[in-house]
C-alpha atoms as a PDB file:
ATOM      1  CA  UNK A   1    -101.818 -24.737  -6.499  1.00  0.00           C
ATOM      2  CA  UNK A   2    -102.467 -24.302 -10.212  1.00  0.00           C
ATOM      3  CA  UNK A   3     -98.859 -24.235 -11.372  1.00  0.00           C
ATOM      4  CA  UNK A   4     -97.259 -26.008 -14.302  1.00  0.00           C
ATOM      5  CA  UNK A   5     -94.292 -26.774 -12.074  1.00  0.00           C
ATOM      6  CA  UNK A   6     -94.244 -27.204  -8.305  1.00  0.00           C
ATOM      7  CA  UNK A   7     -93.156 -24.167  -6.323  1.00  0.00           C
ATOM      8  CA  UNK A   8     -90.389 -24.731  -3.803  1.00  0.00           C
ATOM      9  CA  UNK A   9     -89.718 -22.268  -0.987  1.00  0.00           C
ATOM     10  CA  UNK A  10     -85.925 -22.427  -0.848  1.00  0.00           C
ATOM     11  CA  UNK A  11     -84.270 -21.182   2.342  1.00  0.00           C
ATOM     12  CA  UNK A  12     -80.599 -20.223   2.397  1.00  0.00           C
ATOM     13  CA  UNK A  13     -78.818 -22.132   5.160  1.00  0.00           C
ATOM     14  CA  UNK A  14     -75.768 -21.449   7.302  1.00  0.00           C
ATOM     15  CA  UNK A  15     -73.754 -18.693   5.576  1.00  0.00           C
ATOM     16  CA  UNK A  16     -70.432 -19.613   7.168  1.00  0.00           C
ATOM     17  CA  UNK A  17     -70.349 -23.035   5.508  1.00  0.00           C
ATOM     18  CA  UNK A  18     -71.057 -24.208   1.967  1.00  0.00           C
ATOM     19  CA  UNK A  19     -74.746 -23.296   1.963  1.00  0.00           C
ATOM     20  CA  UNK A  20     -74.453 -20.088  -0.055  1.00  0.00           C
ATOM     21  CA  UNK A  21     -72.224 -21.776  -2.622  1.00  0.00           C
ATOM     22  CA  UNK A  22     -74.712 -24.650  -2.969  1.00  0.00           C
ATOM     23  CA  UNK A  23     -77.598 -22.202  -3.276  1.00  0.00           C
ATOM     24  CA  UNK A  24     -75.875 -20.409  -6.136  1.00  0.00           C
ATOM     25  CA  UNK A  25     -74.933 -23.638  -7.913  1.00  0.00           C
ATOM     26  CA  UNK A  26     -78.477 -24.932  -7.531  1.00  0.00           C
ATOM     27  CA  UNK A  27     -79.996 -21.819  -9.063  1.00  0.00           C
ATOM     28  CA  UNK A  28     -77.523 -21.957 -11.959  1.00  0.00           C
ATOM     29  CA  UNK A  29     -78.309 -25.618 -12.700  1.00  0.00           C
ATOM     30  CA  UNK A  30     -80.558 -26.038 -15.754  1.00  0.00           C
ATOM     31  CA  UNK A  31     -81.906 -29.428 -14.658  1.00  0.00           C
ATOM     32  CA  UNK A  32     -82.995 -28.078 -11.286  1.00  0.00           C
ATOM     33  CA  UNK A  33     -84.491 -24.930 -12.773  1.00  0.00           C
ATOM     34  CA  UNK A  34     -86.547 -27.122 -15.098  1.00  0.00           C
ATOM     35  CA  UNK A  35     -87.833 -29.262 -12.208  1.00  0.00           C
ATOM     36  CA  UNK A  36     -89.506 -26.501 -10.167  1.00  0.00           C
ATOM     37  CA  UNK A  37     -90.095 -22.800  -9.666  1.00  0.00           C
ATOM     38  CA  UNK A  38     -88.424 -21.219  -6.650  1.00  0.00           C
ATOM     39  CA  UNK A  39     -89.113 -18.604  -4.041  1.00  0.00           C
ATOM     40  CA  UNK A  40     -85.633 -18.068  -2.591  1.00  0.00           C
ATOM     41  CA  UNK A  41     -85.483 -16.669   0.935  1.00  0.00           C
ATOM     42  CA  UNK A  42     -82.325 -14.949   2.099  1.00  0.00           C
ATOM     43  CA  UNK A  43     -80.330 -11.794   1.456  1.00  0.00           C
ATOM     44  CA  UNK A  44     -79.144 -10.611  -1.955  1.00  0.00           C
ATOM     45  CA  UNK A  45     -75.700  -9.853  -0.573  1.00  0.00           C
ATOM     46  CA  UNK A  46     -75.448 -13.440   0.658  1.00  0.00           C
ATOM     47  CA  UNK A  47     -76.626 -14.825  -2.681  1.00  0.00           C
ATOM     48  CA  UNK A  48     -74.062 -12.666  -4.477  1.00  0.00           C
ATOM     49  CA  UNK A  49     -71.368 -14.051  -2.182  1.00  0.00           C
ATOM     50  CA  UNK A  50     -72.453 -17.584  -3.025  1.00  0.00           C
ATOM     51  CA  UNK A  51     -72.241 -16.748  -6.726  1.00  0.00           C
ATOM     52  CA  UNK A  52     -68.756 -15.315  -6.256  1.00  0.00           C
ATOM     53  CA  UNK A  53     -67.564 -18.484  -4.528  1.00  0.00           C
ATOM     54  CA  UNK A  54     -69.255 -20.809  -7.018  1.00  0.00           C
ATOM     55  CA  UNK A  55     -68.167 -18.688 -10.013  1.00  0.00           C
ATOM     56  CA  UNK A  56     -71.689 -18.601 -11.451  1.00  0.00           C
ATOM     57  CA  UNK A  57     -74.098 -15.837 -12.348  1.00  0.00           C
ATOM     58  CA  UNK A  58     -77.668 -15.871 -11.054  1.00  0.00           C
ATOM     59  CA  UNK A  59     -80.139 -13.058 -11.754  1.00  0.00           C
ATOM     60  CA  UNK A  60     -83.291 -13.206  -9.650  1.00  0.00           C
ATOM     61  CA  UNK A  61     -85.955 -10.505  -9.532  1.00  0.00           C
ATOM     62  CA  UNK A  62     -87.040  -9.316  -6.096  1.00  0.00           C
ATOM     63  CA  UNK A  63     -90.367 -10.312  -4.626  1.00  0.00           C
ATOM     64  CA  UNK A  64     -91.828  -7.933  -2.055  1.00  0.00           C
ATOM     65  CA  UNK A  65     -93.467 -10.681  -0.047  1.00  0.00           C
ATOM     66  CA  UNK A  66     -96.777 -12.425   0.602  1.00  0.00           C
ATOM     67  CA  UNK A  67     -98.890  -9.315   0.061  1.00  0.00           C
ATOM     68  CA  UNK A  68     -98.917 -10.179  -3.642  1.00  0.00           C
ATOM     69  CA  UNK A  69     -98.391 -13.446  -5.487  1.00  0.00           C
ATOM     70  CA  UNK A  70     -94.861 -13.947  -6.820  1.00  0.00           C
ATOM     71  CA  UNK A  71     -94.338 -13.568 -10.561  1.00  0.00           C
ATOM     72  CA  UNK A  72     -92.594 -16.822 -11.445  1.00  0.00           C
ATOM     73  CA  UNK A  73     -92.544 -16.206 -15.184  1.00  0.00           C
ATOM     74  CA  UNK A  74     -88.771 -16.625 -15.170  1.00  0.00           C
ATOM     75  CA  UNK A  75     -88.783 -19.541 -12.731  1.00  0.00           C
ATOM     76  CA  UNK A  76     -87.474 -17.932  -9.539  1.00  0.00           C
ATOM     77  CA  UNK A  77     -87.734 -14.852  -7.341  1.00  0.00           C
ATOM     78  CA  UNK A  78     -85.807 -13.660  -4.299  1.00  0.00           C
ATOM     79  CA  UNK A  79     -87.458 -12.633  -1.056  1.00  0.00           C
ATOM     80  CA  UNK A  80     -84.639 -10.393   0.151  1.00  0.00           C
ATOM     81  CA  UNK A  81     -84.950 -10.013   3.913  1.00  0.00           C
ATOM     82  CA  UNK A  82     -81.874  -7.758   4.058  1.00  0.00           C
ATOM     83  CA  UNK A  83     -80.723  -9.383   7.292  1.00  0.00           C
ATOM     84  CA  UNK A  84     -77.118 -10.446   6.663  1.00  0.00           C
ATOM     85  CA  UNK A  85     -73.951  -8.828   5.427  1.00  0.00           C
ATOM     86  CA  UNK A  86     -71.747 -11.900   4.745  1.00  0.00           C
ATOM     87  CA  UNK A  87     -68.563  -9.848   5.173  1.00  0.00           C
ATOM     88  CA  UNK A  88     -69.333  -9.643   8.906  1.00  0.00           C
ATOM     89  CA  UNK A  89     -68.997 -13.430   9.328  1.00  0.00           C
ATOM     90  CA  UNK A  90     -65.905 -15.605   9.612  1.00  0.00           C
ATOM     91  CA  UNK A  91     -65.915 -18.378   7.034  1.00  0.00           C
ATOM     92  CA  UNK A  92     -65.861 -21.854   8.558  1.00  0.00           C
ATOM     93  CA  UNK A  93     -67.087 -20.889  12.052  1.00  0.00           C
ATOM     94  CA  UNK A  94     -70.545 -21.198  13.567  1.00  0.00           C
ATOM     95  CA  UNK A  95     -71.957 -17.870  14.704  1.00  0.00           C
ATOM     96  CA  UNK A  96     -75.120 -16.444  16.223  1.00  0.00           C
ATOM     97  CA  UNK A  97     -75.656 -14.233  13.166  1.00  0.00           C
ATOM     98  CA  UNK A  98     -75.480 -17.267  10.896  1.00  0.00           C
ATOM     99  CA  UNK A  99     -77.965 -19.155  13.037  1.00  0.00           C
ATOM    100  CA  UNK A 100     -80.334 -16.176  12.989  1.00  0.00           C
ATOM    101  CA  UNK A 101     -80.041 -15.891   9.201  1.00  0.00           C
ATOM    102  CA  UNK A 102     -80.730 -19.594   8.571  1.00  0.00           C
ATOM    103  CA  UNK A 103     -83.567 -19.967  11.052  1.00  0.00           C
ATOM    104  CA  UNK A 104     -85.291 -16.768   9.925  1.00  0.00           C
ATOM    105  CA  UNK A 105     -85.153 -17.957   6.318  1.00  0.00           C
ATOM    106  CA  UNK A 106     -86.468 -21.386   7.271  1.00  0.00           C
ATOM    107  CA  UNK A 107     -89.422 -20.067   9.248  1.00  0.00           C
ATOM    108  CA  UNK A 108     -90.352 -17.763   6.371  1.00  0.00           C
ATOM    109  CA  UNK A 109     -90.172 -20.667   3.889  1.00  0.00           C
ATOM    110  CA  UNK A 110     -92.419 -22.803   6.074  1.00  0.00           C
ATOM    111  CA  UNK A 111     -94.954 -19.993   6.366  1.00  0.00           C
ATOM    112  CA  UNK A 112     -95.076 -19.671   2.589  1.00  0.00           C
ATOM    113  CA  UNK A 113     -95.944 -23.368   2.414  1.00  0.00           C
ATOM    114  CA  UNK A 114     -98.462 -23.005   5.240  1.00  0.00           C
ATOM    115  CA  UNK A 115    -100.189 -20.171   3.378  1.00  0.00           C
ATOM    116  CA  UNK A 116    -100.354 -22.053   0.090  1.00  0.00           C
ATOM    117  CA  UNK A 117     -97.706 -20.030  -1.760  1.00  0.00           C
ATOM    118  CA  UNK A 118     -95.298 -22.982  -1.998  1.00  0.00           C
ATOM    119  CA  UNK A 119     -95.825 -26.699  -2.522  1.00  0.00           C
ATOM    120  CA  UNK A 120     -92.620 -27.845  -0.824  1.00  0.00           C
ATOM    121  CA  UNK A 121     -89.767 -26.470   1.282  1.00  0.00           C
ATOM    122  CA  UNK A 122     -86.058 -27.031   0.783  1.00  0.00           C
ATOM    123  CA  UNK A 123     -82.995 -25.607   2.475  1.00  0.00           C
ATOM    124  CA  UNK A 124     -79.242 -25.713   2.122  1.00  0.00           C
ATOM    125  CA  UNK A 125     -77.417 -27.105   5.175  1.00  0.00           C
ATOM    126  CA  UNK A 126     -77.905 -25.773   8.691  1.00  0.00           C
ATOM    127  CA  UNK A 127     -75.516 -25.880  11.628  1.00  0.00           C
ATOM    128  CA  UNK A 128     -77.282 -26.842  14.835  1.00  0.00           C
ATOM    129  CA  UNK A 129     -74.716 -25.137  17.075  1.00  0.00           C
ATOM    130  CA  UNK A 130     -75.256 -21.827  15.265  1.00  0.00           C
ATOM    131  CA  UNK A 131     -79.012 -22.277  15.492  1.00  0.00           C
ATOM    132  CA  UNK A 132     -78.782 -22.803  19.249  1.00  0.00           C
ATOM    133  CA  UNK A 133     -76.609 -19.715  19.641  1.00  0.00           C
ATOM    134  CA  UNK A 134     -79.542 -17.765  18.237  1.00  0.00           C
ATOM    135  CA  UNK A 135     -82.354 -19.824  19.763  1.00  0.00           C
ATOM    136  CA  UNK A 136     -81.142 -21.860  22.771  1.00  0.00           C
ATOM    137  CA  UNK A 137     -84.338 -23.949  22.868  1.00  0.00           C
ATOM    138  CA  UNK A 138     -83.758 -25.182  19.305  1.00  0.00           C
ATOM    139  CA  UNK A 139     -83.533 -28.979  19.059  1.00  0.00           C
ATOM    140  CA  UNK A 140     -84.041 -29.809  15.398  1.00  0.00           C
ATOM    141  CA  UNK A 141     -85.970 -28.876  12.285  1.00  0.00           C
ATOM    142  CA  UNK A 142     -88.879 -31.176  13.146  1.00  0.00           C
ATOM    143  CA  UNK A 143     -89.900 -28.998  16.101  1.00  0.00           C
ATOM    144  CA  UNK A 144     -89.774 -25.869  13.951  1.00  0.00           C
ATOM    145  CA  UNK A 145     -91.812 -27.483  11.175  1.00  0.00           C
ATOM    146  CA  UNK A 146     -94.436 -28.698  13.628  1.00  0.00           C
ATOM    147  CA  UNK A 147     -94.753 -25.221  15.128  1.00  0.00           C
ATOM    148  CA  UNK A 148     -95.067 -23.471  11.765  1.00  0.00           C
ATOM    149  CA  UNK A 149     -97.059 -25.970   9.693  1.00  0.00           C
ATOM    150  CA  UNK A 150     -99.066 -27.696  12.405  1.00  0.00           C
ATOM    151  CA  UNK A 151    -100.377 -31.198  11.914  1.00  0.00           C
ATOM    152  CA  UNK A 152     -97.954 -34.078  11.928  1.00  0.00           C
ATOM    153  CA  UNK A 153     -96.517 -35.954  13.617  1.00  0.00           C
ATOM    154  CA  UNK A 154     -93.613 -35.903  11.209  1.00  0.00           C
ATOM    155  CA  UNK A 155     -90.322 -37.735  11.015  1.00  0.00           C
ATOM    156  CA  UNK A 156     -87.002 -37.604   9.247  1.00  0.00           C
ATOM    157  CA  UNK A 157     -86.275 -39.989   6.412  1.00  0.00           C
ATOM    158  CA  UNK A 158     -82.967 -40.521   4.682  1.00  0.00           C
ATOM    159  CA  UNK A 159     -83.342 -41.206   0.980  1.00  0.00           C
ATOM    160  CA  UNK A 160     -80.683 -42.581  -1.343  1.00  0.00           C
ATOM    161  CA  UNK A 161     -82.053 -43.072  -4.835  1.00  0.00           C
ATOM    162  CA  UNK A 162     -84.789 -45.722  -4.309  1.00  0.00           C
ATOM    163  CA  UNK A 163     -83.697 -46.806  -0.816  1.00  0.00           C
ATOM    164  CA  UNK A 164     -85.249 -45.118   2.208  1.00  0.00           C
ATOM    165  CA  UNK A 165     -84.305 -45.141   5.875  1.00  0.00           C
ATOM    166  CA  UNK A 166     -86.834 -44.170   8.526  1.00  0.00           C
ATOM    167  CA  UNK A 167     -86.324 -44.079  12.271  1.00  0.00           C
ATOM    168  CA  UNK A 168     -88.426 -44.263  15.401  1.00  0.00           C
ATOM    169  CA  UNK A 169     -86.304 -41.895  17.499  1.00  0.00           C
ATOM    170  CA  UNK A 170     -84.121 -39.112  16.184  1.00  0.00           C
ATOM    171  CA  UNK A 171     -82.274 -36.403  18.099  1.00  0.00           C
ATOM    172  CA  UNK A 172     -82.319 -37.948  21.565  1.00  0.00           C
ATOM    173  CA  UNK A 173     -79.483 -39.355  23.696  1.00  0.00           C
ATOM    174  CA  UNK A 174     -78.848 -43.084  23.300  1.00  0.00           C
ATOM    175  CA  UNK A 175     -79.529 -43.472  27.013  1.00  0.00           C
ATOM    176  CA  UNK A 176     -83.189 -42.569  26.360  1.00  0.00           C
ATOM    177  CA  UNK A 177     -83.789 -44.608  23.208  1.00  0.00           C
ATOM    178  CA  UNK A 178     -84.874 -47.881  24.812  1.00  0.00           C
ATOM    179  CA  UNK A 179     -87.698 -46.261  26.749  1.00  0.00           C
ATOM    180  CA  UNK A 180     -89.068 -44.712  23.559  1.00  0.00           C
ATOM    181  CA  UNK A 181     -89.256 -48.015  21.657  1.00  0.00           C
ATOM    182  CA  UNK A 182     -92.819 -49.135  22.290  1.00  0.00           C
ATOM    183  CA  UNK A 183     -95.309 -51.179  20.332  1.00  0.00           C
ATOM    184  CA  UNK A 184     -97.259 -48.008  19.535  1.00  0.00           C
ATOM    185  CA  UNK A 185     -94.258 -45.867  18.543  1.00  0.00           C
ATOM    186  CA  UNK A 186     -92.963 -48.542  16.176  1.00  0.00           C
ATOM    187  CA  UNK A 187     -96.421 -49.027  14.662  1.00  0.00           C
ATOM    188  CA  UNK A 188     -96.831 -45.266  14.223  1.00  0.00           C
ATOM    189  CA  UNK A 189     -93.463 -45.134  12.493  1.00  0.00           C
ATOM    190  CA  UNK A 190     -94.405 -47.902  10.073  1.00  0.00           C
ATOM    191  CA  UNK A 191     -97.730 -46.252   9.251  1.00  0.00           C
ATOM    192  CA  UNK A 192     -96.011 -42.937   8.487  1.00  0.00           C
ATOM    193  CA  UNK A 193     -93.225 -44.576   6.471  1.00  0.00           C
ATOM    194  CA  UNK A 194     -95.738 -46.483   4.358  1.00  0.00           C
ATOM    195  CA  UNK A 195     -97.777 -43.323   3.795  1.00  0.00           C
ATOM    196  CA  UNK A 196     -94.831 -41.088   2.835  1.00  0.00           C
ATOM    197  CA  UNK A 197     -93.373 -43.685   0.486  1.00  0.00           C
ATOM    198  CA  UNK A 198     -96.710 -44.136  -1.253  1.00  0.00           C
ATOM    199  CA  UNK A 199     -96.856 -40.356  -1.690  1.00  0.00           C
ATOM    200  CA  UNK A 200     -93.419 -40.587  -3.305  1.00  0.00           C
ATOM    201  CA  UNK A 201     -94.668 -43.116  -5.847  1.00  0.00           C
ATOM    202  CA  UNK A 202     -94.101 -46.536  -4.254  1.00  0.00           C
ATOM    203  CA  UNK A 203     -97.165 -48.667  -4.900  1.00  0.00           C
ATOM    204  CA  UNK A 204     -96.553 -50.999  -1.913  1.00  0.00           C
ATOM    205  CA  UNK A 205     -93.259 -50.191  -0.195  1.00  0.00           C
ATOM    206  CA  UNK A 206     -91.427 -53.163   1.279  1.00  0.00           C
ATOM    207  CA  UNK A 207     -90.191 -52.175   4.729  1.00  0.00           C
ATOM    208  CA  UNK A 208     -87.588 -54.059   6.758  1.00  0.00           C
ATOM    209  CA  UNK A 209     -87.644 -53.347  10.489  1.00  0.00           C
ATOM    210  CA  UNK A 210     -84.293 -53.258  12.259  1.00  0.00           C
ATOM    211  CA  UNK A 211     -83.917 -54.703  15.737  1.00  0.00           C
ATOM    212  CA  UNK A 212     -82.853 -52.501  18.618  1.00  0.00           C
ATOM    213  CA  UNK A 213     -80.478 -54.955  20.282  1.00  0.00           C
ATOM    214  CA  UNK A 214     -77.569 -57.071  19.000  1.00  0.00           C
ATOM    215  CA  UNK A 215     -78.774 -60.229  17.206  1.00  0.00           C
ATOM    216  CA  UNK A 216     -82.373 -58.985  17.585  1.00  0.00           C
ATOM    217  CA  UNK A 217     -82.108 -59.617  21.320  1.00  0.00           C
ATOM    218  CA  UNK A 218     -81.055 -63.264  20.901  1.00  0.00           C
ATOM    219  CA  UNK A 219     -84.247 -64.564  22.504  1.00  0.00           C
ATOM    220  CA  UNK A 220     -83.970 -62.191  25.433  1.00  0.00           C
ATOM    221  CA  UNK A 221     -80.278 -62.664  26.170  1.00  0.00           C
ATOM    222  CA  UNK A 222     -79.454 -59.144  24.953  1.00  0.00           C
ATOM    223  CA  UNK A 223     -82.641 -57.269  25.738  1.00  0.00           C
ATOM    224  CA  UNK A 224     -86.405 -57.726  25.556  1.00  0.00           C
ATOM    225  CA  UNK A 225     -87.540 -54.791  23.406  1.00  0.00           C
ATOM    226  CA  UNK A 226     -87.338 -56.711  20.145  1.00  0.00           C
ATOM    227  CA  UNK A 227     -89.661 -59.491  21.305  1.00  0.00           C
ATOM    228  CA  UNK A 228     -91.904 -57.416  23.567  1.00  0.00           C
ATOM    229  CA  UNK A 229     -92.371 -54.243  21.517  1.00  0.00           C
ATOM    230  CA  UNK A 230     -91.052 -54.436  17.948  1.00  0.00           C
ATOM    231  CA  UNK A 231     -92.346 -57.887  16.932  1.00  0.00           C
ATOM    232  CA  UNK A 232     -95.964 -57.137  17.978  1.00  0.00           C
ATOM    233  CA  UNK A 233     -95.783 -53.753  16.206  1.00  0.00           C
ATOM    234  CA  UNK A 234     -94.738 -55.469  12.970  1.00  0.00           C
ATOM    235  CA  UNK A 235     -97.697 -57.836  13.317  1.00  0.00           C
ATOM    236  CA  UNK A 236    -100.015 -54.848  13.917  1.00  0.00           C
ATOM    237  CA  UNK A 237     -98.686 -53.124  10.791  1.00  0.00           C
ATOM    238  CA  UNK A 238     -99.156 -56.252   8.679  1.00  0.00           C
ATOM    239  CA  UNK A 239    -102.749 -56.454   9.861  1.00  0.00           C
ATOM    240  CA  UNK A 240    -103.214 -52.943   8.449  1.00  0.00           C
ATOM    241  CA  UNK A 241    -101.931 -54.051   5.052  1.00  0.00           C
ATOM    242  CA  UNK A 242     -98.412 -52.644   5.405  1.00  0.00           C
ATOM    243  CA  UNK A 243     -95.774 -54.773   3.715  1.00  0.00           C
ATOM    244  CA  UNK A 244     -93.155 -55.157   6.449  1.00  0.00           C
ATOM    245  CA  UNK A 245     -90.918 -57.777   8.039  1.00  0.00           C
ATOM    246  CA  UNK A 246     -88.654 -57.996  11.059  1.00  0.00           C
ATOM    247  CA  UNK A 247     -87.120 -57.258  13.396  1.00  0.00           C
ATOM    248  CA  UNK A 248     -83.837 -58.129  11.707  1.00  0.00           C
ATOM    249  CA  UNK A 249     -80.363 -57.701  13.219  1.00  0.00           C
ATOM    250  CA  UNK A 250     -79.221 -54.239  12.212  1.00  0.00           C
ATOM    251  CA  UNK A 251     -75.725 -55.381  11.216  1.00  0.00           C
ATOM    252  CA  UNK A 252     -77.114 -57.236   8.175  1.00  0.00           C
ATOM    253  CA  UNK A 253     -80.458 -55.658   7.311  1.00  0.00           C
ATOM    254  CA  UNK A 254     -78.945 -52.916   5.151  1.00  0.00           C
ATOM    255  CA  UNK A 255     -77.080 -55.495   3.097  1.00  0.00           C
ATOM    256  CA  UNK A 256     -80.406 -57.072   2.203  1.00  0.00           C
ATOM    257  CA  UNK A 257     -81.953 -53.687   1.450  1.00  0.00           C
ATOM    258  CA  UNK A 258     -79.011 -52.655  -0.711  1.00  0.00           C
ATOM    259  CA  UNK A 259     -79.351 -55.770  -2.871  1.00  0.00           C
ATOM    260  CA  UNK A 260     -83.016 -54.977  -3.456  1.00  0.00           C
ATOM    261  CA  UNK A 261     -84.925 -57.137  -0.972  1.00  0.00           C
ATOM    262  CA  UNK A 262     -86.558 -54.053   0.602  1.00  0.00           C
ATOM    263  CA  UNK A 263     -87.388 -50.468  -0.317  1.00  0.00           C
ATOM    264  CA  UNK A 264     -86.850 -49.109   3.181  1.00  0.00           C
ATOM    265  CA  UNK A 265     -85.333 -49.924   6.544  1.00  0.00           C
ATOM    266  CA  UNK A 266     -87.129 -48.711   9.659  1.00  0.00           C
ATOM    267  CA  UNK A 267     -84.431 -48.230  12.295  1.00  0.00           C
ATOM    268  CA  UNK A 268     -84.825 -47.512  15.980  1.00  0.00           C
ATOM    269  CA  UNK A 269     -82.395 -44.623  16.468  1.00  0.00           C
ATOM    270  CA  UNK A 270     -80.529 -41.932  14.558  1.00  0.00           C
ATOM    271  CA  UNK A 271     -77.110 -43.383  13.739  1.00  0.00           C
ATOM    272  CA  UNK A 272     -78.351 -46.949  13.305  1.00  0.00           C
ATOM    273  CA  UNK A 273     -79.433 -45.991   9.812  1.00  0.00           C
ATOM    274  CA  UNK A 274     -77.494 -42.781   9.155  1.00  0.00           C
ATOM    275  CA  UNK A 275     -74.114 -44.522   9.188  1.00  0.00           C
ATOM    276  CA  UNK A 276     -75.216 -47.168   6.714  1.00  0.00           C
ATOM    277  CA  UNK A 277     -76.854 -44.702   4.340  1.00  0.00           C
ATOM    278  CA  UNK A 278     -73.960 -42.251   4.323  1.00  0.00           C
ATOM    279  CA  UNK A 279     -71.447 -45.019   3.735  1.00  0.00           C
ATOM    280  CA  UNK A 280     -73.393 -46.160   0.686  1.00  0.00           C
ATOM    281  CA  UNK A 281     -73.215 -42.733  -0.978  1.00  0.00           C
ATOM    282  CA  UNK A 282     -72.495 -39.610   1.041  1.00  0.00           C
ATOM    283  CA  UNK A 283     -72.810 -37.282  -1.958  1.00  0.00           C
ATOM    284  CA  UNK A 284     -76.355 -38.280  -2.964  1.00  0.00           C
ATOM    285  CA  UNK A 285     -78.174 -38.671   0.338  1.00  0.00           C
ATOM    286  CA  UNK A 286     -81.269 -36.598   1.096  1.00  0.00           C
ATOM    287  CA  UNK A 287     -83.015 -35.847   4.364  1.00  0.00           C
ATOM    288  CA  UNK A 288     -86.785 -35.670   3.960  1.00  0.00           C
ATOM    289  CA  UNK A 289     -89.022 -34.505   6.776  1.00  0.00           C
ATOM    290  CA  UNK A 290     -92.403 -35.981   5.947  1.00  0.00           C
ATOM    291  CA  UNK A 291     -95.825 -36.169   7.500  1.00  0.00           C
ATOM    292  CA  UNK A 292     -96.699 -32.469   7.321  1.00  0.00           C
ATOM    293  CA  UNK A 293     -98.722 -30.277   4.958  1.00  0.00           C
ATOM    294  CA  UNK A 294     -95.698 -29.864   2.683  1.00  0.00           C
ATOM    295  CA  UNK A 295     -92.600 -32.030   2.215  1.00  0.00           C
ATOM    296  CA  UNK A 296     -89.325 -30.574   3.482  1.00  0.00           C
ATOM    297  CA  UNK A 297     -86.033 -31.667   1.885  1.00  0.00           C
ATOM    298  CA  UNK A 298     -82.340 -30.915   2.373  1.00  0.00           C
ATOM    299  CA  UNK A 299     -79.052 -32.607   1.560  1.00  0.00           C
ATOM    300  CA  UNK A 300     -78.159 -35.150   4.240  1.00  0.00           C
ATOM    301  CA  UNK A 301     -74.655 -33.740   4.735  1.00  0.00           C
ATOM    302  CA  UNK A 302     -73.763 -30.775   6.889  1.00  0.00           C
ATOM    303  CA  UNK A 303     -72.242 -27.334   6.439  1.00  0.00           C
ATOM    304  CA  UNK A 304     -68.713 -28.589   5.647  1.00  0.00           C
ATOM    305  CA  UNK A 305     -66.893 -25.727   7.350  1.00  0.00           C
ATOM    306  CA  UNK A 306     -63.572 -27.281   6.322  1.00  0.00           C
ATOM    307  CA  UNK A 307     -64.155 -26.524   2.622  1.00  0.00           C
ATOM    308  CA  UNK A 308     -66.254 -23.370   2.978  1.00  0.00           C
ATOM    309  CA  UNK A 309     -65.347 -20.576   0.603  1.00  0.00           C
ATOM    310  CA  UNK A 310     -63.262 -22.776  -1.705  1.00  0.00           C
ATOM    311  CA  UNK A 311     -65.824 -23.317  -4.449  1.00  0.00           C
ATOM    312  CA  UNK A 312     -65.452 -27.099  -4.356  1.00  0.00           C
ATOM    313  CA  UNK A 313     -68.749 -28.128  -2.708  1.00  0.00           C
ATOM    314  CA  UNK A 314     -70.425 -31.054  -4.478  1.00  0.00           C
ATOM    315  CA  UNK A 315     -73.978 -30.323  -5.611  1.00  0.00           C
ATOM    316  CA  UNK A 316     -74.982 -34.009  -5.790  1.00  0.00           C
ATOM    317  CA  UNK A 317     -76.986 -34.295  -2.567  1.00  0.00           C
ATOM    318  CA  UNK A 318     -78.574 -30.872  -3.023  1.00  0.00           C
ATOM    319  CA  UNK A 319     -79.631 -31.828  -6.538  1.00  0.00           C
ATOM    320  CA  UNK A 320     -81.169 -35.052  -5.216  1.00  0.00           C
ATOM    321  CA  UNK A 321     -82.978 -33.121  -2.461  1.00  0.00           C
ATOM    322  CA  UNK A 322     -84.514 -30.642  -4.884  1.00  0.00           C
ATOM    323  CA  UNK A 323     -85.603 -33.332  -7.338  1.00  0.00           C
ATOM    324  CA  UNK A 324     -87.220 -35.317  -4.500  1.00  0.00           C
ATOM    325  CA  UNK A 325     -88.988 -32.201  -3.192  1.00  0.00           C
ATOM    326  CA  UNK A 326     -90.308 -31.464  -6.675  1.00  0.00           C
ATOM    327  CA  UNK A 327     -91.497 -35.045  -7.159  1.00  0.00           C
ATOM    328  CA  UNK A 328     -93.236 -35.141  -3.779  1.00  0.00           C
ATOM    329  CA  UNK A 329     -94.796 -31.731  -4.291  1.00  0.00           C
ATOM    330  CA  UNK A 330     -96.239 -32.796  -7.618  1.00  0.00           C
ATOM    331  CA  UNK A 331     -97.938 -35.792  -5.972  1.00  0.00           C
ATOM    332  CA  UNK A 332     -98.793 -34.255  -2.588  1.00  0.00           C
END
């Protein structure tokens, strides 16, 4: 797209949590407005409620929709879908109406990216329970992105400043993880991690690979996946020119990454990396879903129902998510 700044399709998330407040604070932030232009998808009444909570003023012109290109002269427009009266919701509780609102906004944002009207997609936090109330088959955002954008396969990455965490499996029960750790799945994960990090500006990302089992299996005493599947996959990735090492015991690998030995840690399952990353800095972490036509970013934290409506939500992770989306979009 021939734009001076990247265009981000920005979907309003769960309206019963802090998403509307974060949306308003984001749009009132001069640094974030300078980083990108925005097509905001939601409901004007919901945006006004976010402004009331955040105690900010945001004036966005309406955009009628994809029939005509948005006028981004002033840096942002609102695609008002008119689908939520926030006074009908209970603050701090997941609800079907909130799930419908968030998922409808997200699908619309993805379609704008699919059709070339946006360079990246971002969203304020979702609540998976609310999403399932509206769409019982909903598993996670990756499935929705794949259905709307096509291509892939994509994966979630957690990003904290210059440190990345990738994972081979994501939203699956722990009881199923071992069967999904194969030589091919680990290799595919390393290929995608290397590719997405290069797109983000890393010349040759240094990737540490975490073991699945305690003490990296201890020579087979605590499991065979590390020797039989992960080690050969690392060798395969090296043969392709990917700068990676491992598998390393997961109880120490993040210490090495934190001190600068690696740019990323490729973990085997969801919480193996999530816990470490969130402990390092909960208020700056970003979730990136990469591998598709457009990057998709969101703060790594959730909807924070416990502080919803109080005006105290920290913008740090949302700011980091938007700046990453803008940087990736500019290079994509």
